[in-house]
N, C-alpha and C. Protein backbone atom coordinates (compact mmCIF):
# COMPACT_ATOMS: atom_id res chain seq x y z
N MET A 1 -76.48 -12.73 7.37
CA MET A 1 -76.26 -11.33 7.32
C MET A 1 -75.91 -10.89 8.71
N LYS A 2 -75.31 -9.72 8.81
CA LYS A 2 -74.77 -9.29 10.08
C LYS A 2 -75.33 -7.95 10.55
N VAL A 3 -75.72 -7.85 11.82
CA VAL A 3 -76.04 -6.59 12.43
C VAL A 3 -75.03 -6.43 13.59
N SER A 4 -74.29 -5.32 13.60
CA SER A 4 -73.28 -5.16 14.64
C SER A 4 -73.64 -3.97 15.46
N GLY A 5 -72.72 -3.45 16.29
CA GLY A 5 -72.99 -2.37 17.20
C GLY A 5 -73.65 -2.86 18.43
N TRP A 6 -74.95 -2.70 18.55
CA TRP A 6 -75.73 -3.08 19.71
C TRP A 6 -75.61 -4.61 19.90
N PHE A 7 -75.38 -5.36 18.89
CA PHE A 7 -75.33 -6.80 18.97
C PHE A 7 -73.95 -7.38 19.07
N SER A 8 -72.96 -6.56 19.18
CA SER A 8 -71.54 -7.05 19.31
C SER A 8 -71.25 -8.11 18.26
N ALA A 9 -71.60 -7.79 17.06
CA ALA A 9 -71.27 -8.63 15.88
C ALA A 9 -71.97 -9.99 15.86
N LEU A 10 -73.07 -10.08 16.55
CA LEU A 10 -73.82 -11.36 16.53
C LEU A 10 -74.49 -11.54 15.13
N ALA A 11 -74.61 -12.73 14.68
CA ALA A 11 -75.26 -12.95 13.42
C ALA A 11 -76.72 -12.61 13.55
N ALA A 12 -77.26 -11.98 12.48
CA ALA A 12 -78.67 -11.51 12.57
C ALA A 12 -79.33 -11.54 11.23
N ILE A 13 -80.62 -11.58 11.24
CA ILE A 13 -81.41 -11.47 9.99
C ILE A 13 -82.30 -10.28 10.15
N CYS A 14 -82.41 -9.45 9.13
CA CYS A 14 -83.25 -8.34 9.15
C CYS A 14 -84.51 -8.63 8.38
N VAL A 15 -85.64 -8.60 9.05
CA VAL A 15 -86.86 -9.05 8.40
C VAL A 15 -87.76 -7.73 8.24
N ILE A 16 -88.09 -7.43 7.02
CA ILE A 16 -88.94 -6.27 6.79
C ILE A 16 -90.36 -6.66 7.12
N ALA A 17 -90.99 -5.95 8.04
CA ALA A 17 -92.33 -6.18 8.44
C ALA A 17 -93.28 -5.91 7.31
N THR A 18 -94.30 -6.74 7.23
CA THR A 18 -95.26 -6.50 6.16
C THR A 18 -96.51 -5.88 6.69
N GLY A 19 -97.36 -5.46 5.82
CA GLY A 19 -98.64 -4.84 6.26
C GLY A 19 -98.49 -3.36 6.42
N ALA A 20 -99.27 -2.81 7.28
CA ALA A 20 -99.36 -1.34 7.43
C ALA A 20 -98.32 -0.73 8.35
N THR A 21 -97.51 -1.53 8.94
CA THR A 21 -96.53 -1.07 9.87
C THR A 21 -95.41 -0.38 9.26
N ASN A 22 -94.74 0.57 9.89
CA ASN A 22 -93.55 1.27 9.36
C ASN A 22 -92.33 0.85 10.13
N GLU A 23 -92.23 -0.42 10.43
CA GLU A 23 -91.10 -0.90 11.22
C GLU A 23 -90.45 -2.09 10.51
N ALA A 24 -89.21 -2.32 10.89
CA ALA A 24 -88.53 -3.53 10.43
C ALA A 24 -87.83 -4.03 11.64
N HIS A 25 -87.56 -5.35 11.71
CA HIS A 25 -87.00 -5.92 12.88
C HIS A 25 -85.61 -6.49 12.57
N ALA A 26 -84.66 -6.18 13.45
CA ALA A 26 -83.32 -6.74 13.35
C ALA A 26 -83.23 -7.73 14.45
N GLU A 27 -83.10 -8.99 14.14
CA GLU A 27 -83.18 -10.08 15.10
C GLU A 27 -81.81 -10.69 15.29
N ALA A 28 -81.40 -10.94 16.48
CA ALA A 28 -80.24 -11.69 16.81
C ALA A 28 -80.51 -12.57 17.99
N ASN A 29 -80.39 -13.91 17.73
CA ASN A 29 -80.83 -14.87 18.71
C ASN A 29 -82.24 -14.51 19.22
N SER A 30 -82.47 -14.34 20.43
CA SER A 30 -83.83 -14.07 20.95
C SER A 30 -84.05 -12.56 21.18
N ARG A 31 -83.06 -11.70 20.79
CA ARG A 31 -83.13 -10.36 21.01
C ARG A 31 -83.58 -9.57 19.74
N THR A 32 -84.53 -8.64 19.80
CA THR A 32 -85.00 -7.91 18.61
C THR A 32 -84.93 -6.40 18.85
N VAL A 33 -84.44 -5.67 17.83
CA VAL A 33 -84.47 -4.24 17.88
C VAL A 33 -85.29 -3.81 16.70
N VAL A 34 -86.26 -2.92 16.98
CA VAL A 34 -87.15 -2.42 15.95
C VAL A 34 -86.46 -1.24 15.35
N VAL A 35 -86.24 -1.22 14.05
CA VAL A 35 -85.63 -0.08 13.34
C VAL A 35 -86.61 0.60 12.44
N ALA A 36 -86.35 1.86 12.20
CA ALA A 36 -87.29 2.64 11.36
C ALA A 36 -87.28 2.18 9.92
N ASN A 37 -88.46 2.04 9.40
CA ASN A 37 -88.72 1.77 7.93
C ASN A 37 -89.72 2.80 7.57
N VAL A 38 -89.26 3.99 7.20
CA VAL A 38 -90.19 5.04 6.95
C VAL A 38 -90.91 4.94 5.64
N SER A 39 -92.04 5.55 5.46
CA SER A 39 -92.82 5.51 4.30
C SER A 39 -92.25 6.34 3.16
N PRO A 40 -92.61 6.09 1.93
CA PRO A 40 -92.13 6.93 0.85
C PRO A 40 -92.52 8.41 1.02
N ALA A 41 -93.70 8.64 1.58
CA ALA A 41 -94.11 10.04 1.80
C ALA A 41 -93.24 10.69 2.88
N ASP A 42 -92.84 9.94 3.89
CA ASP A 42 -91.92 10.48 4.93
C ASP A 42 -90.54 10.80 4.29
N ILE A 43 -90.08 9.96 3.39
CA ILE A 43 -88.75 10.24 2.73
C ILE A 43 -88.89 11.48 1.89
N GLN A 44 -90.00 11.65 1.12
CA GLN A 44 -90.12 12.86 0.31
C GLN A 44 -90.24 14.08 1.17
N GLN A 45 -91.00 14.03 2.25
CA GLN A 45 -91.07 15.20 3.13
C GLN A 45 -89.72 15.51 3.82
N ALA A 46 -89.00 14.52 4.21
CA ALA A 46 -87.68 14.72 4.82
C ALA A 46 -86.70 15.32 3.81
N THR A 47 -86.82 14.81 2.57
CA THR A 47 -85.95 15.28 1.51
C THR A 47 -86.26 16.77 1.20
N ARG A 48 -87.46 17.10 1.17
CA ARG A 48 -87.89 18.52 0.92
C ARG A 48 -87.39 19.39 2.05
N ARG A 49 -87.53 18.94 3.29
CA ARG A 49 -87.05 19.68 4.43
C ARG A 49 -85.52 19.86 4.41
N ALA A 50 -84.82 18.76 4.18
CA ALA A 50 -83.38 18.82 4.13
C ALA A 50 -82.90 19.67 2.96
N THR A 51 -83.52 19.59 1.82
CA THR A 51 -83.15 20.41 0.68
C THR A 51 -83.29 21.88 1.04
N ALA A 52 -84.40 22.23 1.71
CA ALA A 52 -84.55 23.64 2.20
C ALA A 52 -83.45 24.08 3.13
N GLU A 53 -83.08 23.10 4.02
CA GLU A 53 -81.97 23.37 5.07
C GLU A 53 -80.64 23.59 4.43
N VAL A 54 -80.28 22.77 3.47
CA VAL A 54 -78.92 22.82 2.86
C VAL A 54 -78.90 23.38 1.49
N GLY A 55 -80.06 23.44 0.81
CA GLY A 55 -80.07 23.87 -0.61
C GLY A 55 -79.62 25.25 -0.82
N HIS A 56 -79.64 26.16 0.10
CA HIS A 56 -79.27 27.52 -0.09
C HIS A 56 -77.76 27.70 0.06
N LEU A 57 -77.09 26.66 0.56
CA LEU A 57 -75.64 26.74 0.76
C LEU A 57 -74.90 26.71 -0.53
N ARG A 58 -73.69 27.27 -0.57
CA ARG A 58 -72.87 27.24 -1.71
C ARG A 58 -72.54 25.84 -2.17
N ARG A 59 -72.30 25.04 -1.24
CA ARG A 59 -71.89 23.64 -1.56
C ARG A 59 -72.85 22.69 -0.71
N ILE A 60 -73.43 21.73 -1.40
CA ILE A 60 -74.27 20.75 -0.72
C ILE A 60 -73.47 19.51 -0.46
N TRP A 61 -73.33 19.12 0.82
CA TRP A 61 -72.54 18.02 1.24
C TRP A 61 -73.44 16.85 1.59
N CYS A 62 -72.97 15.58 1.41
CA CYS A 62 -73.75 14.42 1.69
C CYS A 62 -74.08 14.22 3.19
N VAL A 63 -73.13 14.56 4.04
CA VAL A 63 -73.28 14.33 5.48
C VAL A 63 -74.50 15.07 6.08
N PRO A 64 -74.50 16.45 6.01
CA PRO A 64 -75.67 17.12 6.60
C PRO A 64 -76.96 16.80 5.97
N PHE A 65 -76.89 16.47 4.65
CA PHE A 65 -78.14 16.12 3.97
C PHE A 65 -78.65 14.73 4.49
N ALA A 66 -77.82 13.70 4.59
CA ALA A 66 -78.15 12.40 5.01
C ALA A 66 -78.67 12.44 6.47
N ARG A 67 -77.98 13.26 7.30
CA ARG A 67 -78.35 13.42 8.68
C ARG A 67 -79.78 13.98 8.79
N ALA A 68 -80.05 15.00 7.98
CA ALA A 68 -81.34 15.67 7.97
C ALA A 68 -82.47 14.76 7.49
N VAL A 69 -82.20 13.99 6.47
CA VAL A 69 -83.23 13.08 5.89
C VAL A 69 -83.44 11.90 6.83
N SER A 70 -82.40 11.21 7.29
CA SER A 70 -82.52 9.95 7.94
C SER A 70 -82.82 10.13 9.49
N GLY A 71 -82.32 11.24 10.05
CA GLY A 71 -82.49 11.37 11.54
C GLY A 71 -81.31 10.66 12.25
N VAL A 72 -80.36 10.08 11.52
CA VAL A 72 -79.21 9.48 12.12
C VAL A 72 -78.25 10.59 12.48
N ASP A 73 -78.09 10.88 13.74
CA ASP A 73 -77.36 12.09 14.19
C ASP A 73 -75.89 11.87 14.42
N ILE A 74 -75.16 11.69 13.34
CA ILE A 74 -73.73 11.50 13.42
C ILE A 74 -73.04 12.62 12.65
N ARG A 75 -71.95 13.07 13.21
CA ARG A 75 -71.20 14.20 12.62
C ARG A 75 -69.90 13.70 12.06
N GLY A 76 -69.22 14.54 11.30
CA GLY A 76 -67.91 14.16 10.78
C GLY A 76 -68.02 13.58 9.33
N ASN A 77 -66.83 13.34 8.80
CA ASN A 77 -66.72 12.75 7.45
C ASN A 77 -67.54 11.44 7.36
N ALA A 78 -68.11 11.20 6.21
CA ALA A 78 -68.87 10.02 6.04
C ALA A 78 -68.07 8.75 6.30
N SER A 79 -66.78 8.75 6.03
CA SER A 79 -65.99 7.52 6.31
C SER A 79 -65.91 7.21 7.79
N THR A 80 -66.27 8.09 8.68
CA THR A 80 -66.24 7.82 10.14
C THR A 80 -67.56 7.40 10.71
N TRP A 81 -68.61 7.44 9.91
CA TRP A 81 -69.90 7.14 10.42
C TRP A 81 -70.09 5.74 10.94
N TRP A 82 -69.57 4.79 10.21
CA TRP A 82 -69.70 3.32 10.60
C TRP A 82 -69.15 3.10 11.99
N GLY A 83 -67.95 3.59 12.24
CA GLY A 83 -67.34 3.43 13.53
C GLY A 83 -68.07 4.20 14.64
N GLN A 84 -68.54 5.43 14.30
CA GLN A 84 -69.27 6.22 15.27
C GLN A 84 -70.62 5.57 15.61
N ALA A 85 -71.23 4.91 14.67
CA ALA A 85 -72.55 4.29 14.90
C ALA A 85 -72.47 3.02 15.72
N ALA A 86 -71.31 2.46 15.92
CA ALA A 86 -71.14 1.14 16.57
C ALA A 86 -71.90 1.09 17.94
N ASP A 87 -71.85 2.02 18.76
CA ASP A 87 -72.54 1.97 20.06
C ASP A 87 -73.75 2.78 20.11
N ARG A 88 -74.17 3.43 19.01
CA ARG A 88 -75.34 4.31 19.05
C ARG A 88 -76.54 3.88 18.17
N TYR A 89 -76.26 3.18 17.09
CA TYR A 89 -77.25 2.83 16.14
C TYR A 89 -77.07 1.39 15.69
N PRO A 90 -78.13 0.68 15.40
CA PRO A 90 -77.95 -0.66 14.79
C PRO A 90 -77.35 -0.52 13.42
N ARG A 91 -76.57 -1.50 13.03
CA ARG A 91 -75.94 -1.56 11.70
C ARG A 91 -76.13 -2.87 11.08
N GLY A 92 -76.15 -2.97 9.78
CA GLY A 92 -76.32 -4.20 9.15
C GLY A 92 -76.15 -4.20 7.66
N GLN A 93 -76.43 -5.34 7.03
CA GLN A 93 -76.26 -5.46 5.61
C GLN A 93 -77.53 -5.58 4.83
N VAL A 94 -78.63 -5.22 5.39
CA VAL A 94 -79.90 -5.39 4.69
C VAL A 94 -80.48 -3.97 4.51
N PRO A 95 -80.82 -3.64 3.22
CA PRO A 95 -81.39 -2.28 2.99
C PRO A 95 -82.78 -2.18 3.51
N ILE A 96 -83.08 -1.09 4.20
CA ILE A 96 -84.42 -0.78 4.67
C ILE A 96 -84.66 0.73 4.39
N ARG A 97 -85.86 1.04 3.91
CA ARG A 97 -86.18 2.41 3.57
C ARG A 97 -85.90 3.31 4.82
N GLY A 98 -85.13 4.35 4.62
CA GLY A 98 -84.80 5.28 5.67
C GLY A 98 -83.45 5.05 6.31
N ALA A 99 -82.85 3.90 6.00
CA ALA A 99 -81.49 3.63 6.48
C ALA A 99 -80.43 4.36 5.74
N VAL A 100 -79.31 4.55 6.28
CA VAL A 100 -78.14 5.25 5.67
C VAL A 100 -77.22 4.20 5.07
N LEU A 101 -77.01 4.26 3.79
CA LEU A 101 -75.94 3.46 3.13
C LEU A 101 -74.67 4.18 3.28
N ASN A 102 -73.71 3.53 3.99
CA ASN A 102 -72.43 4.15 4.35
C ASN A 102 -71.33 3.59 3.40
N PHE A 103 -70.81 4.44 2.58
CA PHE A 103 -69.69 4.10 1.62
C PHE A 103 -68.37 4.27 2.44
N ARG A 104 -67.49 3.35 2.11
CA ARG A 104 -66.08 3.47 2.67
C ARG A 104 -65.31 4.52 1.91
N SER A 105 -64.27 4.97 2.48
CA SER A 105 -63.37 5.85 1.71
C SER A 105 -62.61 5.05 0.71
N SER A 106 -62.29 5.70 -0.39
CA SER A 106 -61.53 5.10 -1.47
C SER A 106 -60.77 6.21 -2.15
N SER A 107 -59.93 5.86 -3.14
CA SER A 107 -59.24 6.91 -3.87
C SER A 107 -60.23 7.87 -4.58
N ALA A 108 -61.35 7.37 -4.99
CA ALA A 108 -62.35 8.20 -5.63
C ALA A 108 -63.17 9.04 -4.68
N MET A 109 -63.25 8.50 -3.41
CA MET A 109 -64.05 9.20 -2.36
C MET A 109 -63.24 9.15 -1.05
N PRO A 110 -62.22 9.98 -0.90
CA PRO A 110 -61.39 9.91 0.27
C PRO A 110 -62.12 10.10 1.61
N MET A 111 -63.21 10.85 1.59
CA MET A 111 -63.97 11.07 2.83
C MET A 111 -65.15 10.18 2.96
N GLY A 112 -65.30 9.19 2.04
CA GLY A 112 -66.48 8.31 2.02
C GLY A 112 -67.70 9.04 1.49
N HIS A 113 -68.85 8.45 1.74
CA HIS A 113 -70.11 9.01 1.21
C HIS A 113 -71.21 8.37 2.06
N VAL A 114 -72.36 9.14 2.21
CA VAL A 114 -73.58 8.59 2.83
C VAL A 114 -74.75 8.93 1.98
N ALA A 115 -75.67 8.06 1.87
CA ALA A 115 -76.89 8.23 1.13
C ALA A 115 -78.09 7.52 1.89
N VAL A 116 -79.25 7.94 1.67
CA VAL A 116 -80.44 7.40 2.42
C VAL A 116 -81.29 6.54 1.46
N VAL A 117 -81.61 5.36 1.89
CA VAL A 117 -82.48 4.43 1.11
C VAL A 117 -83.80 5.00 1.02
N SER A 118 -84.23 5.23 -0.22
CA SER A 118 -85.61 5.73 -0.43
C SER A 118 -86.53 4.67 -0.96
N GLU A 119 -86.04 3.55 -1.44
CA GLU A 119 -86.85 2.47 -2.00
C GLU A 119 -86.00 1.20 -2.10
N VAL A 120 -86.62 0.08 -1.66
CA VAL A 120 -85.94 -1.22 -1.89
C VAL A 120 -86.73 -1.83 -3.08
N ILE A 121 -85.90 -1.98 -4.15
CA ILE A 121 -86.50 -2.58 -5.39
C ILE A 121 -86.45 -4.12 -5.37
N ASP A 122 -85.32 -4.68 -5.04
CA ASP A 122 -85.22 -6.08 -4.86
C ASP A 122 -83.97 -6.38 -3.96
N ALA A 123 -83.57 -7.63 -3.76
CA ALA A 123 -82.51 -7.90 -2.79
C ALA A 123 -81.17 -7.31 -3.17
N ARG A 124 -81.01 -6.91 -4.45
CA ARG A 124 -79.73 -6.37 -4.85
C ARG A 124 -79.81 -4.97 -5.50
N THR A 125 -80.98 -4.37 -5.46
CA THR A 125 -81.11 -3.09 -6.04
C THR A 125 -82.00 -2.19 -5.13
N ILE A 126 -81.50 -0.95 -4.93
CA ILE A 126 -82.24 0.02 -4.12
C ILE A 126 -82.18 1.34 -4.85
N LYS A 127 -83.00 2.27 -4.39
CA LYS A 127 -82.90 3.70 -4.81
C LYS A 127 -82.51 4.45 -3.53
N VAL A 128 -81.61 5.43 -3.73
CA VAL A 128 -81.18 6.31 -2.65
C VAL A 128 -81.40 7.76 -3.05
N VAL A 129 -81.59 8.59 -1.99
CA VAL A 129 -81.60 10.01 -2.21
C VAL A 129 -80.33 10.49 -1.51
N GLN A 130 -79.63 11.29 -2.27
CA GLN A 130 -78.22 11.69 -1.85
C GLN A 130 -77.88 13.06 -2.30
N ALA A 131 -76.94 13.59 -1.62
CA ALA A 131 -76.43 14.94 -2.00
C ALA A 131 -74.96 14.84 -2.43
N ASN A 132 -74.67 15.54 -3.47
CA ASN A 132 -73.22 15.73 -3.92
C ASN A 132 -72.65 14.45 -4.57
N TRP A 133 -73.44 13.49 -4.93
CA TRP A 133 -72.91 12.40 -5.75
C TRP A 133 -72.64 13.01 -7.13
N THR A 134 -73.62 13.81 -7.59
CA THR A 134 -73.42 14.69 -8.70
C THR A 134 -73.13 16.09 -8.10
N ARG A 135 -72.04 16.64 -8.36
CA ARG A 135 -71.58 17.85 -7.67
C ARG A 135 -72.67 18.89 -7.48
N ASN A 136 -72.88 19.19 -6.14
CA ASN A 136 -73.84 20.23 -5.64
C ASN A 136 -75.28 19.93 -6.07
N LYS A 137 -75.58 18.69 -6.24
CA LYS A 137 -77.01 18.39 -6.60
C LYS A 137 -77.52 17.33 -5.64
N ILE A 138 -78.85 17.37 -5.43
CA ILE A 138 -79.53 16.30 -4.62
C ILE A 138 -80.20 15.42 -5.73
N THR A 139 -79.88 14.17 -5.66
CA THR A 139 -80.40 13.23 -6.71
C THR A 139 -80.99 12.00 -6.10
N VAL A 140 -81.80 11.29 -6.87
CA VAL A 140 -82.34 9.94 -6.54
C VAL A 140 -81.74 9.02 -7.50
N ASP A 141 -80.93 8.02 -7.07
CA ASP A 141 -80.23 7.16 -7.96
C ASP A 141 -80.41 5.74 -7.51
N ALA A 142 -80.42 4.79 -8.53
CA ALA A 142 -80.35 3.41 -8.21
C ALA A 142 -78.98 2.99 -7.79
N VAL A 143 -78.95 2.01 -6.90
CA VAL A 143 -77.67 1.47 -6.39
C VAL A 143 -77.79 -0.09 -6.48
N ARG A 144 -76.81 -0.69 -7.02
CA ARG A 144 -76.76 -2.21 -7.11
C ARG A 144 -75.66 -2.79 -6.22
N ASP A 145 -76.06 -3.77 -5.54
CA ASP A 145 -75.09 -4.59 -4.81
C ASP A 145 -74.39 -5.57 -5.73
N VAL A 146 -73.09 -5.42 -5.92
CA VAL A 146 -72.33 -6.28 -6.82
C VAL A 146 -71.33 -7.13 -6.04
N SER A 147 -71.51 -7.21 -4.73
CA SER A 147 -70.61 -8.00 -3.91
C SER A 147 -70.86 -9.52 -4.15
N GLU A 148 -69.83 -10.31 -4.07
CA GLU A 148 -70.00 -11.77 -4.27
C GLU A 148 -70.88 -12.36 -3.18
N ALA A 149 -70.77 -11.83 -1.96
CA ALA A 149 -71.51 -12.43 -0.84
C ALA A 149 -72.93 -11.85 -0.64
N ASN A 150 -73.30 -10.93 -1.59
CA ASN A 150 -74.61 -10.26 -1.45
C ASN A 150 -74.78 -9.59 -0.08
N ASP A 151 -73.71 -8.89 0.29
CA ASP A 151 -73.72 -8.21 1.64
C ASP A 151 -73.58 -6.70 1.53
N TRP A 152 -73.75 -6.13 0.34
CA TRP A 152 -73.68 -4.69 0.11
C TRP A 152 -72.30 -4.13 0.47
N SER A 153 -71.25 -4.87 0.36
CA SER A 153 -69.90 -4.37 0.61
C SER A 153 -69.27 -3.76 -0.65
N GLN A 154 -69.83 -4.03 -1.81
CA GLN A 154 -69.44 -3.51 -3.11
C GLN A 154 -70.67 -3.10 -3.84
N VAL A 155 -70.71 -1.82 -4.27
CA VAL A 155 -71.93 -1.29 -4.91
C VAL A 155 -71.56 -0.47 -6.08
N ARG A 156 -72.45 -0.42 -7.06
CA ARG A 156 -72.41 0.49 -8.19
C ARG A 156 -73.58 1.44 -8.16
N VAL A 157 -73.33 2.74 -8.45
CA VAL A 157 -74.38 3.71 -8.45
C VAL A 157 -74.73 4.13 -9.86
N GLU A 158 -76.07 4.16 -10.16
CA GLU A 158 -76.54 4.62 -11.45
C GLU A 158 -76.06 6.06 -11.71
N TYR A 159 -75.61 6.32 -12.90
CA TYR A 159 -75.22 7.69 -13.18
C TYR A 159 -75.83 8.30 -14.42
N ASN A 160 -76.38 7.47 -15.25
CA ASN A 160 -76.97 7.98 -16.48
C ASN A 160 -77.93 6.98 -17.18
N ASP A 161 -79.17 7.02 -16.75
CA ASP A 161 -80.22 6.12 -17.31
C ASP A 161 -79.74 4.70 -17.44
N ASP A 162 -79.73 3.96 -16.40
CA ASP A 162 -79.39 2.57 -16.35
C ASP A 162 -77.91 2.22 -16.63
N ASN A 163 -77.05 3.22 -16.63
CA ASN A 163 -75.60 2.97 -16.72
C ASN A 163 -75.10 3.07 -15.30
N PHE A 164 -74.35 2.05 -14.88
CA PHE A 164 -73.79 2.07 -13.52
C PHE A 164 -72.29 2.28 -13.62
N GLY A 165 -71.76 3.06 -12.71
CA GLY A 165 -70.39 3.43 -12.67
C GLY A 165 -69.54 2.44 -11.98
N ARG A 166 -68.43 2.95 -11.48
CA ARG A 166 -67.37 2.20 -10.79
C ARG A 166 -67.85 1.44 -9.61
N VAL A 167 -67.14 0.42 -9.23
CA VAL A 167 -67.44 -0.36 -8.02
C VAL A 167 -66.97 0.47 -6.86
N ASN A 168 -67.86 0.72 -5.87
CA ASN A 168 -67.53 1.47 -4.67
C ASN A 168 -67.60 0.56 -3.46
N PRO A 169 -66.59 0.65 -2.56
CA PRO A 169 -66.66 -0.13 -1.33
C PRO A 169 -67.64 0.51 -0.35
N ALA A 170 -68.41 -0.30 0.35
CA ALA A 170 -69.39 0.16 1.36
C ALA A 170 -69.29 -0.68 2.64
N TYR A 171 -69.64 -0.01 3.77
CA TYR A 171 -69.75 -0.79 5.03
C TYR A 171 -71.00 -1.54 5.13
N GLY A 172 -72.09 -0.89 4.76
CA GLY A 172 -73.48 -1.41 4.94
C GLY A 172 -74.41 -0.32 5.32
N PHE A 173 -75.40 -0.67 6.16
CA PHE A 173 -76.48 0.27 6.45
C PHE A 173 -76.49 0.64 7.94
N ILE A 174 -76.78 1.86 8.21
CA ILE A 174 -76.95 2.34 9.59
C ILE A 174 -78.43 2.65 9.74
N TYR A 175 -79.05 2.02 10.74
CA TYR A 175 -80.52 2.14 10.95
C TYR A 175 -80.87 3.06 12.13
N ARG A 176 -81.93 3.75 11.97
CA ARG A 176 -82.45 4.57 13.06
C ARG A 176 -83.45 3.78 13.82
N PRO A 177 -83.30 3.62 15.13
CA PRO A 177 -84.31 2.81 15.89
C PRO A 177 -85.69 3.43 15.78
N ALA A 178 -86.72 2.63 15.68
CA ALA A 178 -88.08 3.13 15.56
C ALA A 178 -88.50 3.91 16.75
N THR A 179 -87.95 3.55 17.93
CA THR A 179 -88.28 4.31 19.18
C THR A 179 -87.89 5.74 19.00
N GLU A 180 -86.81 6.01 18.33
CA GLU A 180 -86.38 7.44 18.10
C GLU A 180 -87.31 8.14 17.15
N VAL A 181 -87.83 7.41 16.16
CA VAL A 181 -88.75 7.94 15.20
C VAL A 181 -90.05 8.35 15.93
N LEU A 182 -90.54 7.45 16.75
CA LEU A 182 -91.74 7.72 17.53
C LEU A 182 -91.53 8.93 18.41
N ALA A 183 -90.39 9.03 19.06
CA ALA A 183 -90.12 10.08 19.99
C ALA A 183 -90.03 11.42 19.31
N SER A 184 -89.57 11.47 18.00
CA SER A 184 -89.37 12.71 17.32
C SER A 184 -90.62 13.18 16.58
N ASN A 185 -91.63 12.35 16.53
CA ASN A 185 -92.92 12.71 15.85
C ASN A 185 -93.80 13.57 16.80
């Protein structure tokens, strides 16, 4: 698996820490960056806060919602987040609660899309909280990795009780460093 940005595309493995800690570690050779792995309660609280911030708007967009929930402070269309994150945030192919799943632009999503991981179900299934996947709604949906390499580069999003829609191209995950989470608390 790959974590880029701070690691200049070094090969890495992201290991979710076990126990009572709210951290995950992205390791590359002997270098480790601790990334945020927020609790389910933190995700719920952030979602409520973000919903209050953007819920009164005429149109709910994925970018300000994902920024408010995740704390990943990137601006602009979702399709630009991956490149903007390169020198600012760790990036990788392993889902961690609180990370931003960054969808690539496609004919169905010309501006891309961003969603926040709310739960890791298994190696190929997660739940995300997202805005505007369903027009002007904030939803919690399952997402399945359908890529051949199991690298989250191709995903399907649940749209109707275990029915999964089209294949969507994705970059991977943008992580918020745990040091930023500690500083903001």
